[in-house]
Amino acid sequence: LVLFSIGAVASAAGNISSAVWMLSMLIG
């Protein structure tokens, strides 16, 4: 599922995108 939205998250978040993924995974 990372393939589905990695581009959209990166395009919106910019340099914080990888941190977004790690924080979201921690919550999950």
PDB file of all heavy atoms in Angstrom:
ATOM      1  N   LEU A   1       0.817  -1.213   0.000  1.00  0.00           N
ATOM      2  CA  LEU A   1       0.000   0.000   0.000  1.00  0.00           C
ATOM      3  C   LEU A   1       0.853   1.265   0.000  1.00  0.00           C
ATOM      4  O   LEU A   1       0.350   2.347  -0.321  1.00  0.00           O
ATOM      5  CB  LEU A   1      -0.940   0.010   1.220  1.00  0.00           C
ATOM      6  CG  LEU A   1      -2.135  -0.949   1.158  1.00  0.00           C
ATOM      7  CD1 LEU A   1      -2.836  -1.010   2.512  1.00  0.00           C
ATOM      8  CD2 LEU A   1      -3.118  -0.515   0.080  1.00  0.00           C
ATOM      9  N   VAL A   2       2.124   1.139   0.356  1.00  0.00           N
ATOM     10  CA  VAL A   2       3.009   2.307   0.292  1.00  0.00           C
ATOM     11  C   VAL A   2       3.094   2.835  -1.143  1.00  0.00           C
ATOM     12  O   VAL A   2       3.265   4.038  -1.366  1.00  0.00           O
ATOM     13  CB  VAL A   2       4.417   1.958   0.842  1.00  0.00           C
ATOM     14  CG1 VAL A   2       5.167   1.038  -0.116  1.00  0.00           C
ATOM     15  CG2 VAL A   2       5.219   3.222   1.112  1.00  0.00           C
ATOM     16  N   LEU A   3       2.952   1.949  -2.131  1.00  0.00           N
ATOM     17  CA  LEU A   3       3.003   2.384  -3.532  1.00  0.00           C
ATOM     18  C   LEU A   3       1.808   3.247  -3.901  1.00  0.00           C
ATOM     19  O   LEU A   3       1.872   4.056  -4.825  1.00  0.00           O
ATOM     20  CB  LEU A   3       3.053   1.166  -4.461  1.00  0.00           C
ATOM     21  CG  LEU A   3       4.271   0.246  -4.337  1.00  0.00           C
ATOM     22  CD1 LEU A   3       4.096  -0.978  -5.230  1.00  0.00           C
ATOM     23  CD2 LEU A   3       5.544   0.988  -4.693  1.00  0.00           C
ATOM     24  N   PHE A   4       0.696   3.070  -3.190  1.00  0.00           N
ATOM     25  CA  PHE A   4      -0.533   3.771  -3.549  1.00  0.00           C
ATOM     26  C   PHE A   4      -0.437   5.267  -3.256  1.00  0.00           C
ATOM     27  O   PHE A   4      -0.965   6.077  -4.008  1.00  0.00           O
ATOM     28  CB  PHE A   4      -1.720   3.197  -2.773  1.00  0.00           C
ATOM     29  CG  PHE A   4      -2.166   1.837  -3.214  1.00  0.00           C
ATOM     30  CD1 PHE A   4      -1.258   0.816  -3.423  1.00  0.00           C
ATOM     31  CD2 PHE A   4      -3.502   1.560  -3.409  1.00  0.00           C
ATOM     32  CE1 PHE A   4      -1.658  -0.452  -3.811  1.00  0.00           C
ATOM     33  CE2 PHE A   4      -3.926   0.302  -3.799  1.00  0.00           C
ATOM     34  CZ  PHE A   4      -2.996  -0.707  -4.004  1.00  0.00           C
ATOM     35  N   SER A   5       0.178   5.631  -2.153  1.00  0.00           N
ATOM     36  CA  SER A   5       0.118   7.025  -1.724  1.00  0.00           C
ATOM     37  C   SER A   5       1.462   7.638  -1.390  1.00  0.00           C
ATOM     38  O   SER A   5       1.511   8.778  -0.936  1.00  0.00           O
ATOM     39  CB  SER A   5      -0.821   7.164  -0.514  1.00  0.00           C
ATOM     40  OG  SER A   5      -0.510   6.213   0.484  1.00  0.00           O
ATOM     41  N   ILE A   6       2.582   6.925  -1.612  1.00  0.00           N
ATOM     42  CA  ILE A   6       3.883   7.503  -1.288  1.00  0.00           C
ATOM     43  C   ILE A   6       4.131   8.765  -2.114  1.00  0.00           C
ATOM     44  O   ILE A   6       4.704   9.742  -1.614  1.00  0.00           O
ATOM     45  CB  ILE A   6       5.014   6.469  -1.492  1.00  0.00           C
ATOM     46  CG1 ILE A   6       6.332   7.007  -0.939  1.00  0.00           C
ATOM     47  CG2 ILE A   6       5.150   6.052  -2.955  1.00  0.00           C
ATOM     48  CD1 ILE A   6       7.444   5.968  -0.910  1.00  0.00           C
ATOM     49  N   GLY A   7       3.677   8.769  -3.368  1.00  0.00           N
ATOM     50  CA  GLY A   7       3.863   9.933  -4.212  1.00  0.00           C
ATOM     51  C   GLY A   7       3.032  11.117  -3.768  1.00  0.00           C
ATOM     52  O   GLY A   7       3.519  12.252  -3.714  1.00  0.00           O
ATOM     53  N   ALA A   8       1.769  10.878  -3.422  1.00  0.00           N
ATOM     54  CA  ALA A   8       0.887  11.968  -3.005  1.00  0.00           C
ATOM     55  C   ALA A   8       1.345  12.570  -1.681  1.00  0.00           C
ATOM     56  O   ALA A   8       1.318  13.797  -1.503  1.00  0.00           O
ATOM     57  CB  ALA A   8      -0.545  11.458  -2.887  1.00  0.00           C
ATOM     58  N   VAL A   9       1.753  11.714  -0.736  1.00  0.00           N
ATOM     59  CA  VAL A   9       2.262  12.226   0.549  1.00  0.00           C
ATOM     60  C   VAL A   9       3.521  13.052   0.315  1.00  0.00           C
ATOM     61  O   VAL A   9       3.682  14.148   0.863  1.00  0.00           O
ATOM     62  CB  VAL A   9       2.547  11.058   1.522  1.00  0.00           C
ATOM     63  CG1 VAL A   9       3.307  11.555   2.751  1.00  0.00           C
ATOM     64  CG2 VAL A   9       1.241  10.404   1.959  1.00  0.00           C
ATOM     65  N   ALA A  10       4.434  12.546  -0.509  1.00  0.00           N
ATOM     66  CA  ALA A  10       5.681  13.256  -0.779  1.00  0.00           C
ATOM     67  C   ALA A  10       5.423  14.597  -1.464  1.00  0.00           C
ATOM     68  O   ALA A  10       6.045  15.608  -1.137  1.00  0.00           O
ATOM     69  CB  ALA A  10       6.596  12.392  -1.640  1.00  0.00           C
ATOM     70  N   SER A  11       4.478  14.611  -2.407  1.00  0.00           N
ATOM     71  CA  SER A  11       4.185  15.839  -3.137  1.00  0.00           C
ATOM     72  C   SER A  11       3.576  16.912  -2.241  1.00  0.00           C
ATOM     73  O   SER A  11       3.771  18.105  -2.476  1.00  0.00           O
ATOM     74  CB  SER A  11       3.233  15.541  -4.299  1.00  0.00           C
ATOM     75  OG  SER A  11       3.822  14.666  -5.226  1.00  0.00           O
ATOM     76  N   ALA A  12       2.843  16.499  -1.234  1.00  0.00           N
ATOM     77  CA  ALA A  12       2.204  17.460  -0.334  1.00  0.00           C
ATOM     78  C   ALA A  12       3.090  17.828   0.848  1.00  0.00           C
ATOM     79  O   ALA A  12       3.100  18.978   1.294  1.00  0.00           O
ATOM     80  CB  ALA A  12       0.880  16.891   0.176  1.00  0.00           C
ATOM     81  N   ALA A  13       3.834  16.851   1.376  1.00  0.00           N
ATOM     82  CA  ALA A  13       4.600  17.070   2.606  1.00  0.00           C
ATOM     83  C   ALA A  13       6.010  17.567   2.343  1.00  0.00           C
ATOM     84  O   ALA A  13       6.598  18.257   3.183  1.00  0.00           O
ATOM     85  CB  ALA A  13       4.656  15.778   3.417  1.00  0.00           C
ATOM     86  N   GLY A  14       6.607  17.188   1.209  1.00  0.00           N
ATOM     87  CA  GLY A  14       7.972  17.595   0.936  1.00  0.00           C
ATOM     88  C   GLY A  14       8.969  16.883   1.830  1.00  0.00           C
ATOM     89  O   GLY A  14       8.936  15.662   1.979  1.00  0.00           O
ATOM     90  N   ASN A  15       9.834  17.637   2.480  1.00  0.00           N
ATOM     91  CA  ASN A  15      10.950  17.059   3.233  1.00  0.00           C
ATOM     92  C   ASN A  15      10.540  16.307   4.495  1.00  0.00           C
ATOM     93  O   ASN A  15      11.359  15.600   5.077  1.00  0.00           O
ATOM     94  CB  ASN A  15      11.941  18.162   3.622  1.00  0.00           C
ATOM     95  CG  ASN A  15      12.698  18.695   2.422  1.00  0.00           C
ATOM     96  OD1 ASN A  15      12.795  18.029   1.395  1.00  0.00           O
ATOM     97  ND2 ASN A  15      13.225  19.908   2.529  1.00  0.00           N
ATOM     98  N   ILE A  16       9.305  16.440   4.929  1.00  0.00           N
ATOM     99  CA  ILE A  16       8.883  15.726   6.135  1.00  0.00           C
ATOM    100  C   ILE A  16       8.164  14.417   5.797  1.00  0.00           C
ATOM    101  O   ILE A  16       7.653  13.741   6.692  1.00  0.00           O
ATOM    102  CB  ILE A  16       7.959  16.598   7.022  1.00  0.00           C
ATOM    103  CG1 ILE A  16       6.612  16.855   6.317  1.00  0.00           C
ATOM    104  CG2 ILE A  16       8.636  17.912   7.399  1.00  0.00           C
ATOM    105  CD1 ILE A  16       5.558  17.470   7.234  1.00  0.00           C
ATOM    106  N   SER A  17       8.144  14.038   4.518  1.00  0.00           N
ATOM    107  CA  SER A  17       7.294  12.913   4.113  1.00  0.00           C
ATOM    108  C   SER A  17       7.707  11.598   4.771  1.00  0.00           C
ATOM    109  O   SER A  17       6.850  10.820   5.205  1.00  0.00           O
ATOM    110  CB  SER A  17       7.291  12.764   2.591  1.00  0.00           C
ATOM    111  OG  SER A  17       8.582  12.508   2.090  1.00  0.00           O
ATOM    112  N   SER A  18       9.001  11.296   4.863  1.00  0.00           N
ATOM    113  CA  SER A  18       9.404  10.025   5.481  1.00  0.00           C
ATOM    114  C   SER A  18       9.044  10.000   6.958  1.00  0.00           C
ATOM    115  O   SER A  18       8.678   8.956   7.500  1.00  0.00           O
ATOM    116  CB  SER A  18      10.903   9.785   5.290  1.00  0.00           C
ATOM    117  OG  SER A  18      11.674  10.827   5.868  1.00  0.00           O
ATOM    118  N   ALA A  19       9.116  11.154   7.632  1.00  0.00           N
ATOM    119  CA  ALA A  19       8.728  11.223   9.042  1.00  0.00           C
ATOM    120  C   ALA A  19       7.228  10.986   9.200  1.00  0.00           C
ATOM    121  O   ALA A  19       6.786  10.388  10.192  1.00  0.00           O
ATOM    122  CB  ALA A  19       9.117  12.575   9.636  1.00  0.00           C
ATOM    123  N   VAL A  20       6.441  11.456   8.238  1.00  0.00           N
ATOM    124  CA  VAL A  20       4.996  11.211   8.263  1.00  0.00           C
ATOM    125  C   VAL A  20       4.720   9.711   8.273  1.00  0.00           C
ATOM    126  O   VAL A  20       3.896   9.221   9.053  1.00  0.00           O
ATOM    127  CB  VAL A  20       4.315  11.886   7.053  1.00  0.00           C
ATOM    128  CG1 VAL A  20       2.880  11.384   6.886  1.00  0.00           C
ATOM    129  CG2 VAL A  20       4.323  13.404   7.205  1.00  0.00           C
ATOM    130  N   TRP A  21       5.411   8.982   7.404  1.00  0.00           N
ATOM    131  CA  TRP A  21       5.188   7.536   7.328  1.00  0.00           C
ATOM    132  C   TRP A  21       5.576   6.830   8.622  1.00  0.00           C
ATOM    133  O   TRP A  21       4.856   5.949   9.104  1.00  0.00           O
ATOM    134  CB  TRP A  21       5.987   6.946   6.161  1.00  0.00           C
ATOM    135  CG  TRP A  21       5.377   7.262   4.832  1.00  0.00           C
ATOM    136  CD1 TRP A  21       5.802   8.209   3.934  1.00  0.00           C
ATOM    137  CD2 TRP A  21       4.223   6.661   4.247  1.00  0.00           C
ATOM    138  NE1 TRP A  21       4.987   8.220   2.835  1.00  0.00           N
ATOM    139  CE2 TRP A  21       4.015   7.284   2.991  1.00  0.00           C
ATOM    140  CE3 TRP A  21       3.360   5.655   4.655  1.00  0.00           C
ATOM    141  CZ2 TRP A  21       2.968   6.918   2.154  1.00  0.00           C
ATOM    142  CZ3 TRP A  21       2.319   5.287   3.808  1.00  0.00           C
ATOM    143  CH2 TRP A  21       2.129   5.919   2.579  1.00  0.00           C
ATOM    144  N   MET A  22       6.693   7.201   9.210  1.00  0.00           N
ATOM    145  CA  MET A  22       7.128   6.541  10.442  1.00  0.00           C
ATOM    146  C   MET A  22       6.192   6.845  11.603  1.00  0.00           C
ATOM    147  O   MET A  22       5.857   5.957  12.397  1.00  0.00           O
ATOM    148  CB  MET A  22       8.562   6.958  10.774  1.00  0.00           C
ATOM    149  CG  MET A  22       9.595   6.336   9.843  1.00  0.00           C
ATOM    150  SD  MET A  22      11.313   6.671  10.319  1.00  0.00           S
ATOM    151  CE  MET A  22      11.489   8.347   9.709  1.00  0.00           C
ATOM    152  N   LEU A  23       5.747   8.096  11.716  1.00  0.00           N
ATOM    153  CA  LEU A  23       4.813   8.458  12.785  1.00  0.00           C
ATOM    154  C   LEU A  23       3.492   7.729  12.606  1.00  0.00           C
ATOM    155  O   LEU A  23       2.912   7.198  13.572  1.00  0.00           O
ATOM    156  CB  LEU A  23       4.596   9.972  12.782  1.00  0.00           C
ATOM    157  CG  LEU A  23       3.589  10.519  13.809  1.00  0.00           C
ATOM    158  CD1 LEU A  23       3.978  10.116  15.227  1.00  0.00           C
ATOM    159  CD2 LEU A  23       3.464  12.041  13.680  1.00  0.00           C
ATOM    160  N   SER A  24       2.993   7.666  11.378  1.00  0.00           N
ATOM    161  CA  SER A  24       1.727   6.990  11.113  1.00  0.00           C
ATOM    162  C   SER A  24       1.825   5.501  11.427  1.00  0.00           C
ATOM    163  O   SER A  24       0.911   4.908  12.010  1.00  0.00           O
ATOM    164  CB  SER A  24       1.332   7.199   9.648  1.00  0.00           C
ATOM    165  OG  SER A  24       0.083   6.621   9.367  1.00  0.00           O
ATOM    166  N   MET A  25       2.947   4.886  11.061  1.00  0.00           N
ATOM    167  CA  MET A  25       3.123   3.457  11.334  1.00  0.00           C
ATOM    168  C   MET A  25       3.197   3.188  12.831  1.00  0.00           C
ATOM    169  O   MET A  25       2.675   2.175  13.325  1.00  0.00           O
ATOM    170  CB  MET A  25       4.405   2.968  10.643  1.00  0.00           C
ATOM    171  CG  MET A  25       4.608   1.463  10.688  1.00  0.00           C
ATOM    172  SD  MET A  25       3.356   0.539   9.786  1.00  0.00           S
ATOM    173  CE  MET A  25       2.647  -0.448  11.092  1.00  0.00           C
ATOM    174  N   LEU A  26       3.823   4.095  13.582  1.00  0.00           N
ATOM    175  CA  LEU A  26       3.898   3.945  15.038  1.00  0.00           C
ATOM    176  C   LEU A  26       2.509   3.976  15.654  1.00  0.00           C
ATOM    177  O   LEU A  26       2.172   3.155  16.524  1.00  0.00           O
ATOM    178  CB  LEU A  26       4.765   5.053  15.633  1.00  0.00           C
ATOM    179  CG  LEU A  26       4.871   5.091  17.160  1.00  0.00           C
ATOM    180  CD1 LEU A  26       5.519   3.821  17.692  1.00  0.00           C
ATOM    181  CD2 LEU A  26       5.650   6.324  17.621  1.00  0.00           C
ATOM    182  N   ILE A  27       1.678   4.907  15.211  1.00  0.00           N
ATOM    183  CA  ILE A  27       0.300   4.980  15.710  1.00  0.00           C
ATOM    184  C   ILE A  27      -0.450   3.688  15.395  1.00  0.00           C
ATOM    185  O   ILE A  27      -1.127   3.115  16.245  1.00  0.00           O
ATOM    186  CB  ILE A  27      -0.430   6.197  15.096  1.00  0.00           C
ATOM    187  CG1 ILE A  27       0.232   7.510  15.539  1.00  0.00           C
ATOM    188  CG2 ILE A  27      -1.910   6.202  15.502  1.00  0.00           C
ATOM    189  CD1 ILE A  27      -0.288   8.733  14.796  1.00  0.00           C
ATOM    190  N   GLY A  28      -0.316   3.215  14.159  1.00  0.00           N
ATOM    191  CA  GLY A  28      -1.010   1.997  13.755  1.00  0.00           C
ATOM    192  C   GLY A  28      -0.578   0.781  14.559  1.00  0.00           C
ATOM    193  O   GLY A  28      -1.408  -0.067  14.913  1.00  0.00           O
TER     194      GLY A  28
END
